[in-house]
Amino acid sequence: MIPVMKPWLGEEEATAAADAVRSGWVAQGPRVAEFETRFAERVAAPHAVAVSSCTTALHLCLHLLGLEPGDEVVVPSFSFIATANAAVYVGATPVFADVELEDGNLSRRTVEAALTDRTRAVVVVHQGGMPADVEPLYALCRERGIALVEDAACAAGSTHLGAPVGTGAELAAWSFHPRKLLTTGEGGMFTTTEPELASRARRLREHGMSVSAAERHQSRQPVLESYLEVGFNFRMTDIQAGVGLVQLRKLDEMVERRRMLAACYQEALAGIPGLRTVHDPGHGESNFQSFWVELGPQFPLTRNELLRTLADAGVSARAGIMAAHRQPAYAGHPHGDLSTTERLTDNTLILPLYHDLSDEDQGVVIGVLRRAAESRAVS
C-alpha cells in the first residue's frame, strides 16, 4: 500500500536517540533544553517549553488561563477531538463553532456567532497546516477581553503574513506526533510571549516543583525542592529531544518537498468536475501537513466509495477531519450552525503526502482519481 503519511526518519535520528541512551541522561535534560531553544528560534517565539504531547500543551494553555467550571471555550468541531478535550480537562465547557469552507479554519465570522457572556477563551486550529487568519480573531478577542490560544499542532513550517505561524502568540501548542512533519515519536511544545507563563509552565509540567530534576542532578550540593502548586507529569525525554533536534534541521527541506508535491496534485487534478483541492489562503502558506480534496455533487463517487476505490488500487487515503460534535463524548454540547463543518467532514478525504512519496506513487494516486472521475460518465 502507498501510505497516507510516513515520517521522514533515518540514521541521523537513530544515532541521536542512541547517543542520548549512551549518555546516561534519558529523561528531561540538556537535549530538551536545547530543543526548546532551537524550536523557539524557528517559530520566532520568545519562550518554548517541551512537553509530552500537543494535548498536554493545550491543557497547560487553558490551565494557565485559570479557567473553571461555568467558563466557555470556543473551539472548532472540525478538529481532532483533543482540541475540545483540553477545555473539559480544566472544567470548562467547549462550545463548537463552524469553519470557513476554503481552509477549514475558524474565522472572526464563525467565532462571533458562538460567543456568549461566559466565553473566556477561543482555540483556533491551523488545520492540516493551513494557516488560519488570526489577526481578525486577535482583534475580536481583544475587544471582548477573552484569550486566544493557537492550536498549531500541524503547523510547524507554515507561515502567516510572511512570518512563522505562532509568531506573537501569547499561548500556542504544537505536536510532534508521527503524523506531523517534525516528529519525536510523541511529544509537543508550549510557546508563549510571556516569561511568567513560560516559567510557570516549566514548573507545572514537572509536578509543580520549584527546582527541576535536571537542576537538582547537576548541582554539587543537596537541593531540597518544594512543590509550589499541584502540577502534572508532562515531561519530554532527552531521547525524544535528540530526535527532535535532527528533525528540526530538516524542517525547511520537508516543507519545500511537501509544497512541491501539493502543487503537483493541484495541477494534475485541476479541472476535474466535482473535485476541489486545498490551496494556500491569501494570508499565508501551508506546510501541507495534510493534502485534502473535497468531492462535490458532480463527482460520480461518494467520499466513502472513493476511499474504497483507492484502497483497492493499493492507495491508503483517509476520511477528512472529524466533526467532534458528532462524537458520543460530546453529545448535547452547545453549538450553533455547523453546516460547513459537516459538509467538509462528510465530503473530504486526505491523500498520500509525505517526504519520500515518489513521483511514480503520486502518479498512481492521481491516476486512480482521474479514472474514478470518469467511471460512471463512461458507463
Protein backbone atom coordinates (compact mmCIF):
# COMPACT_ATOMS: atom_id res chain seq x y z
CA MET A 1 0.00 0.00 0.00
CA ILE A 2 1.04 3.58 -0.67
CA PRO A 3 0.67 5.05 2.85
CA VAL A 4 -1.22 8.25 3.52
CA MET A 5 1.69 9.52 5.61
CA LYS A 6 5.15 8.37 6.64
CA PRO A 7 7.62 10.26 8.84
CA TRP A 8 10.98 11.15 7.32
CA LEU A 9 13.35 9.40 9.73
CA GLY A 10 16.78 7.94 9.13
CA GLU A 11 20.16 7.06 10.56
CA GLU A 12 20.73 10.57 11.92
CA GLU A 13 17.68 10.29 14.16
CA ALA A 14 18.63 6.75 15.20
CA THR A 15 22.12 7.94 16.13
CA ALA A 16 20.74 10.90 18.08
CA ALA A 17 18.46 8.61 20.10
CA ALA A 18 21.30 6.16 20.72
CA ASP A 19 23.61 8.99 21.80
CA ALA A 20 21.06 10.04 24.41
CA VAL A 21 20.84 6.48 25.70
CA ARG A 22 24.63 6.14 25.82
CA SER A 23 24.95 9.43 27.68
CA GLY A 24 23.05 8.00 30.63
CA TRP A 25 20.71 11.01 30.63
CA VAL A 26 17.48 9.80 29.10
CA ALA A 27 14.85 11.81 31.00
CA GLN A 28 14.25 15.54 30.59
CA GLY A 29 17.70 17.15 30.45
CA PRO A 30 20.16 19.11 28.31
CA ARG A 31 18.83 17.92 24.95
CA VAL A 32 15.31 19.03 25.90
CA ALA A 33 16.66 22.46 26.84
CA GLU A 34 18.49 22.74 23.51
CA PHE A 35 15.44 21.59 21.57
CA GLU A 36 13.33 24.26 23.30
CA THR A 37 15.84 26.96 22.34
CA ARG A 38 16.11 25.84 18.71
CA PHE A 39 12.36 25.41 18.28
CA ALA A 40 11.66 28.85 19.76
CA GLU A 41 14.11 30.36 17.28
CA ARG A 42 12.50 28.50 14.37
CA VAL A 43 8.95 29.69 15.10
CA ALA A 44 10.01 33.17 16.34
CA ALA A 45 8.63 32.58 19.84
CA PRO A 46 10.37 34.16 22.85
CA HIS A 47 9.81 31.09 25.04
CA ALA A 48 9.27 27.37 24.39
CA VAL A 49 8.53 24.61 26.89
CA ALA A 50 8.78 20.99 25.72
CA VAL A 51 6.01 18.66 26.89
CA SER A 52 4.76 15.13 26.30
CA SER A 53 2.19 15.94 23.59
CA CYS A 54 0.25 18.74 21.96
CA THR A 55 -2.73 17.70 24.07
CA THR A 56 -0.79 18.38 27.27
CA ALA A 57 0.42 21.68 25.78
CA LEU A 58 -3.21 22.69 25.15
CA HIS A 59 -4.11 21.57 28.66
CA LEU A 60 -1.34 23.83 30.01
CA CYS A 61 -2.56 26.77 27.91
CA LEU A 62 -6.07 26.59 29.36
CA HIS A 63 -4.86 25.79 32.88
CA LEU A 64 -2.65 28.90 32.82
CA LEU A 65 -5.71 30.98 31.93
CA GLY A 66 -7.34 29.92 35.18
CA LEU A 67 -10.46 28.53 33.53
CA GLU A 68 -13.01 26.85 35.74
CA PRO A 69 -16.50 25.29 35.65
CA GLY A 70 -19.03 27.63 34.06
CA ASP A 71 -16.46 29.15 31.68
CA GLU A 72 -16.86 28.52 27.96
CA VAL A 73 -14.15 27.93 25.37
CA VAL A 74 -15.00 28.34 21.69
CA VAL A 75 -13.36 25.60 19.62
CA PRO A 76 -13.81 24.24 16.10
CA SER A 77 -15.71 20.99 15.84
CA PHE A 78 -13.68 20.42 12.65
CA SER A 79 -10.60 19.24 14.52
CA PHE A 80 -9.17 16.22 16.27
CA ILE A 81 -11.09 15.65 19.49
CA ALA A 82 -8.12 16.68 21.69
CA THR A 83 -8.88 20.35 20.96
CA ALA A 84 -12.24 20.09 22.73
CA ASN A 85 -10.93 17.69 25.36
CA ALA A 86 -8.44 20.27 26.65
CA ALA A 87 -11.32 22.54 27.68
CA VAL A 88 -13.01 19.70 29.54
CA TYR A 89 -9.78 18.87 31.39
CA VAL A 90 -9.90 22.27 33.14
CA GLY A 91 -13.62 22.01 33.88
CA ALA A 92 -14.73 24.45 31.17
CA THR A 93 -17.37 23.86 28.51
CA PRO A 94 -16.32 23.62 24.85
CA VAL A 95 -18.67 25.49 22.50
CA PHE A 96 -18.35 24.37 18.90
CA ALA A 97 -18.02 26.98 16.15
CA ASP A 98 -18.17 26.45 12.40
CA VAL A 99 -15.26 26.90 10.00
CA GLU A 100 -14.76 28.51 6.60
CA LEU A 101 -15.14 26.34 3.52
CA GLU A 102 -11.90 27.46 1.86
CA ASP A 103 -9.43 26.41 4.53
CA GLY A 104 -11.37 24.56 7.24
CA ASN A 105 -10.41 27.12 9.88
CA LEU A 106 -12.26 29.34 12.33
CA SER A 107 -12.79 32.96 11.31
CA ARG A 108 -13.99 36.08 13.06
CA ARG A 109 -17.42 35.48 11.48
CA THR A 110 -17.79 31.93 12.77
CA VAL A 111 -16.35 32.65 16.23
CA GLU A 112 -18.51 35.72 16.77
CA ALA A 113 -21.62 33.59 16.28
CA ALA A 114 -20.53 31.29 19.13
CA LEU A 115 -19.60 33.88 21.77
CA THR A 116 -21.63 34.33 24.95
CA ASP A 117 -21.11 36.29 28.15
CA ARG A 118 -19.45 33.14 29.58
CA THR A 119 -16.77 32.88 26.88
CA ARG A 120 -13.31 33.10 28.39
CA ALA A 121 -11.16 31.76 25.55
CA VAL A 122 -11.07 30.78 21.88
CA VAL A 123 -8.87 27.99 20.49
CA VAL A 124 -8.06 28.49 16.81
CA VAL A 125 -6.61 25.48 14.98
CA HIS A 126 -4.30 25.81 11.97
CA GLN A 127 -5.99 22.77 10.47
CA GLY A 128 -3.82 20.38 8.47
CA GLY A 129 -1.08 23.02 8.46
CA MET A 130 -3.33 25.54 6.71
CA PRO A 131 -2.66 28.88 8.46
CA ALA A 132 -5.74 30.44 10.00
CA ASP A 133 -6.31 34.17 9.55
CA VAL A 134 -5.56 35.03 13.15
CA GLU A 135 -5.33 38.84 13.02
CA PRO A 136 -9.13 39.40 12.91
CA LEU A 137 -9.51 36.82 15.69
CA TYR A 138 -6.98 38.58 17.91
CA ALA A 139 -8.82 41.85 17.30
CA LEU A 140 -12.15 40.25 18.24
CA CYS A 141 -10.73 38.66 21.38
CA ARG A 142 -9.12 41.92 22.50
CA GLU A 143 -12.45 43.71 22.02
CA ARG A 144 -14.21 41.13 24.21
CA GLY A 145 -11.45 40.67 26.81
CA ILE A 146 -11.02 36.97 26.08
CA ALA A 147 -7.90 34.90 25.40
CA LEU A 148 -6.90 33.39 22.06
CA VAL A 149 -4.97 30.12 22.05
CA GLU A 150 -3.35 28.87 18.84
CA ASP A 151 -3.54 25.11 18.31
CA ALA A 152 -0.60 24.83 15.93
CA ALA A 153 -0.38 21.03 16.19
CA CYS A 154 0.01 20.62 12.43
CA ALA A 155 1.62 23.95 11.57
CA ALA A 156 5.39 23.78 12.10
CA GLY A 157 6.80 25.30 8.91
CA SER A 158 3.61 27.11 7.86
CA THR A 159 3.59 30.90 7.59
CA HIS A 160 1.09 33.68 8.25
CA LEU A 161 1.68 37.07 6.63
CA GLY A 162 5.27 36.05 5.89
CA ALA A 163 6.13 35.05 9.48
CA PRO A 164 6.09 31.59 11.07
CA VAL A 165 2.69 30.53 12.35
CA GLY A 166 2.56 31.21 16.07
CA THR A 167 4.76 34.31 15.95
CA GLY A 168 3.49 36.68 18.64
CA ALA A 169 1.08 34.12 20.14
CA GLU A 170 0.66 34.53 23.87
CA LEU A 171 -0.32 30.86 24.06
CA ALA A 172 0.36 28.23 21.40
CA ALA A 173 0.57 24.43 21.34
CA TRP A 174 2.49 22.21 18.88
CA SER A 175 2.56 18.49 18.11
CA PHE A 176 5.44 16.16 17.24
CA HIS A 177 3.28 13.09 16.62
CA PRO A 178 4.41 10.92 13.67
CA ARG A 179 1.58 12.30 11.51
CA LYS A 180 3.22 15.75 11.71
CA LEU A 181 6.19 16.94 9.65
CA LEU A 182 8.53 17.22 12.62
CA THR A 183 8.25 14.20 14.88
CA THR A 184 9.75 12.97 18.14
CA GLY A 185 7.51 9.87 18.20
CA GLU A 186 5.23 11.50 20.74
CA GLY A 187 5.80 14.96 22.15
CA GLY A 188 4.73 18.56 21.98
CA MET A 189 5.71 22.14 22.71
CA PHE A 190 4.14 25.08 24.51
CA THR A 191 5.23 28.51 23.26
CA THR A 192 4.48 31.93 24.67
CA THR A 193 5.49 35.58 24.54
CA GLU A 194 5.19 35.89 28.32
CA PRO A 195 8.18 34.94 30.52
CA GLU A 196 5.96 34.44 33.59
CA LEU A 197 3.77 31.95 31.74
CA ALA A 198 6.83 30.08 30.47
CA SER A 199 8.30 29.88 33.96
CA ARG A 200 5.07 28.58 35.44
CA ALA A 201 4.59 26.10 32.60
CA ARG A 202 8.07 24.67 33.31
CA ARG A 203 7.04 24.06 36.92
CA LEU A 204 3.64 22.67 36.07
CA ARG A 205 5.00 20.11 33.56
CA GLU A 206 7.16 18.70 36.36
CA HIS A 207 4.70 18.26 39.24
CA GLY A 208 4.89 21.93 40.26
CA MET A 209 8.47 21.57 41.59
CA SER A 210 10.35 24.74 42.47
CA VAL A 211 13.57 23.26 41.04
CA SER A 212 13.70 20.97 38.02
CA ALA A 213 15.03 17.43 38.28
CA ALA A 214 17.82 18.39 35.85
CA GLU A 215 18.91 21.28 38.08
CA ARG A 216 18.90 19.00 41.13
CA HIS A 217 21.08 16.39 39.44
CA GLN A 218 23.53 18.98 38.10
CA SER A 219 24.03 20.62 41.49
CA ARG A 220 27.08 19.64 43.55
CA GLN A 221 25.20 20.46 46.73
CA PRO A 222 21.99 18.92 48.09
CA VAL A 223 18.88 20.65 46.74
CA LEU A 224 15.63 20.46 48.66
CA GLU A 225 12.80 21.20 46.27
CA SER A 226 9.32 22.33 47.22
CA TYR A 227 6.05 21.87 45.37
CA LEU A 228 4.50 25.28 44.81
CA GLU A 229 1.19 24.10 43.34
CA VAL A 230 -0.49 20.97 42.06
CA GLY A 231 1.21 20.16 38.78
CA PHE A 232 1.39 17.45 36.14
CA ASN A 233 3.81 14.96 34.63
CA PHE A 234 4.04 16.43 31.13
CA ARG A 235 7.78 16.00 30.52
CA MET A 236 9.60 15.18 27.28
CA THR A 237 12.61 12.84 27.36
CA ASP A 238 16.10 13.64 26.14
CA ILE A 239 15.79 10.69 23.74
CA GLN A 240 12.85 12.39 22.06
CA ALA A 241 14.53 15.78 22.08
CA GLY A 242 17.63 14.33 20.42
CA VAL A 243 15.45 13.09 17.57
CA GLY A 244 13.63 16.43 17.50
CA LEU A 245 16.85 18.40 17.06
CA VAL A 246 17.68 16.38 13.94
CA GLN A 247 14.15 16.74 12.61
CA LEU A 248 14.20 20.49 13.19
CA ARG A 249 17.28 20.84 10.99
CA LYS A 250 15.36 19.07 8.20
CA LEU A 251 12.13 21.07 8.54
CA ASP A 252 12.73 23.54 5.70
CA GLU A 253 13.56 20.70 3.33
CA MET A 254 10.40 18.86 4.41
CA VAL A 255 8.22 21.91 3.76
CA GLU A 256 9.79 22.52 0.36
CA ARG A 257 9.22 18.91 -0.73
CA ARG A 258 5.62 18.83 0.51
CA ARG A 259 4.76 22.09 -1.21
CA MET A 260 6.18 20.71 -4.46
CA LEU A 261 4.09 17.53 -4.14
CA ALA A 262 0.99 19.58 -3.27
CA ALA A 263 1.50 21.74 -6.36
CA CYS A 264 1.72 18.57 -8.45
CA TYR A 265 -1.61 17.35 -7.06
CA GLN A 266 -3.21 20.74 -7.63
CA GLU A 267 -2.06 20.91 -11.24
CA ALA A 268 -2.90 17.28 -12.08
CA LEU A 269 -6.37 17.37 -10.50
CA ALA A 270 -7.41 20.81 -11.71
CA GLY A 271 -10.49 20.84 -13.89
CA ILE A 272 -11.97 17.55 -12.65
CA PRO A 273 -15.70 18.28 -12.22
CA GLY A 274 -16.80 17.95 -8.62
CA LEU A 275 -13.32 17.80 -7.12
CA ARG A 276 -11.74 20.71 -5.21
CA THR A 277 -8.16 20.66 -3.92
CA VAL A 278 -6.96 22.59 -0.89
CA HIS A 279 -4.86 25.69 -1.67
CA ASP A 280 -2.90 28.30 0.24
CA PRO A 281 -5.07 31.11 1.61
CA GLY A 282 -4.24 34.69 0.70
CA HIS A 283 -2.76 35.39 4.14
CA GLY A 284 -0.17 32.63 4.31
CA GLU A 285 1.49 29.46 3.07
CA SER A 286 0.79 25.94 4.28
CA ASN A 287 3.33 23.25 5.10
CA PHE A 288 0.71 20.82 3.68
CA GLN A 289 0.83 18.55 6.70
CA SER A 290 -2.30 17.10 5.09
CA PHE A 291 -3.46 17.40 1.50
CA TRP A 292 -7.22 17.11 1.23
CA VAL A 293 -9.73 17.23 -1.58
CA GLU A 294 -13.46 17.86 -1.41
CA LEU A 295 -15.94 15.94 -3.55
CA GLY A 296 -19.00 17.79 -4.81
CA PRO A 297 -22.29 16.56 -6.31
CA GLN A 298 -20.76 16.37 -9.80
CA PHE A 299 -18.20 13.78 -8.77
CA PRO A 300 -19.52 10.31 -9.68
CA LEU A 301 -18.46 8.59 -6.44
CA THR A 302 -19.18 9.38 -2.82
CA ARG A 303 -16.28 10.02 -0.49
CA ASN A 304 -16.51 6.53 1.01
CA GLU A 305 -16.79 4.91 -2.41
CA LEU A 306 -13.65 6.76 -3.50
CA LEU A 307 -11.81 5.65 -0.36
CA ARG A 308 -12.65 2.03 -1.21
CA THR A 309 -11.60 2.53 -4.85
CA LEU A 310 -8.26 3.94 -3.73
CA ALA A 311 -7.75 1.08 -1.26
CA ASP A 312 -8.50 -1.48 -3.97
CA ALA A 313 -5.75 0.15 -6.06
CA GLY A 314 -3.23 -0.06 -3.22
CA VAL A 315 -3.57 3.55 -2.04
CA SER A 316 -4.15 4.34 1.63
CA ALA A 317 -6.21 7.53 1.97
CA ARG A 318 -8.17 8.79 4.95
CA ALA A 319 -11.54 10.37 5.59
CA GLY A 320 -11.27 14.11 6.19
CA ILE A 321 -11.04 15.83 9.56
CA MET A 322 -13.57 14.63 12.13
CA ALA A 323 -16.55 16.61 13.42
CA ALA A 324 -16.08 16.40 17.18
CA HIS A 325 -19.66 17.45 17.95
CA ARG A 326 -20.89 14.21 16.36
CA GLN A 327 -18.89 12.02 18.74
CA PRO A 328 -20.72 10.37 21.66
CA ALA A 329 -18.40 12.10 24.13
CA TYR A 330 -19.81 15.47 23.05
CA ALA A 331 -23.48 14.67 22.59
CA GLY A 332 -25.51 17.64 23.76
CA HIS A 333 -22.64 20.12 23.94
CA PRO A 334 -23.55 23.64 22.82
CA HIS A 335 -23.04 24.71 19.23
CA GLY A 336 -24.67 26.77 16.54
CA ASP A 337 -24.90 26.08 12.83
CA LEU A 338 -22.12 23.66 11.82
CA SER A 339 -23.18 23.07 8.23
CA THR A 340 -19.74 23.78 6.74
CA THR A 341 -18.06 21.50 9.28
CA GLU A 342 -20.45 18.68 8.40
CA ARG A 343 -20.05 19.27 4.67
CA LEU A 344 -16.25 19.08 4.92
CA THR A 345 -16.28 16.09 7.27
CA ASP A 346 -18.63 14.15 5.01
CA ASN A 347 -17.07 15.01 1.65
CA THR A 348 -13.31 15.38 2.09
CA LEU A 349 -10.51 12.86 2.04
CA ILE A 350 -6.79 13.12 2.75
CA LEU A 351 -4.44 11.91 0.00
CA PRO A 352 -0.95 10.43 0.47
CA LEU A 353 1.62 13.16 1.04
CA TYR A 354 5.00 12.62 2.71
CA HIS A 355 8.63 13.46 2.07
CA ASP A 356 9.57 10.17 0.40
CA LEU A 357 6.47 9.95 -1.81
CA SER A 358 7.87 9.08 -5.24
CA ASP A 359 6.71 10.61 -8.49
CA GLU A 360 5.63 7.13 -9.56
CA ASP A 361 3.49 6.56 -6.48
CA GLN A 362 1.96 10.02 -6.68
CA GLY A 363 1.15 9.25 -10.32
CA VAL A 364 -0.70 6.11 -9.16
CA VAL A 365 -2.84 8.19 -6.79
CA ILE A 366 -3.60 10.77 -9.47
CA GLY A 367 -4.44 8.04 -11.98
CA VAL A 368 -6.96 6.42 -9.63
CA LEU A 369 -8.66 9.77 -9.03
CA ARG A 370 -8.88 10.56 -12.74
CA ARG A 371 -10.30 7.15 -13.59
CA ALA A 372 -12.79 7.43 -10.75
CA ALA A 373 -13.92 10.81 -12.07
CA GLU A 374 -14.64 9.24 -15.45
CA SER A 375 -16.08 5.95 -14.20
CA ARG A 376 -19.83 6.49 -14.30
CA ALA A 377 -19.65 9.00 -17.12
CA VAL A 378 -18.21 6.25 -19.32
CA SER A 379 -20.67 3.59 -18.18
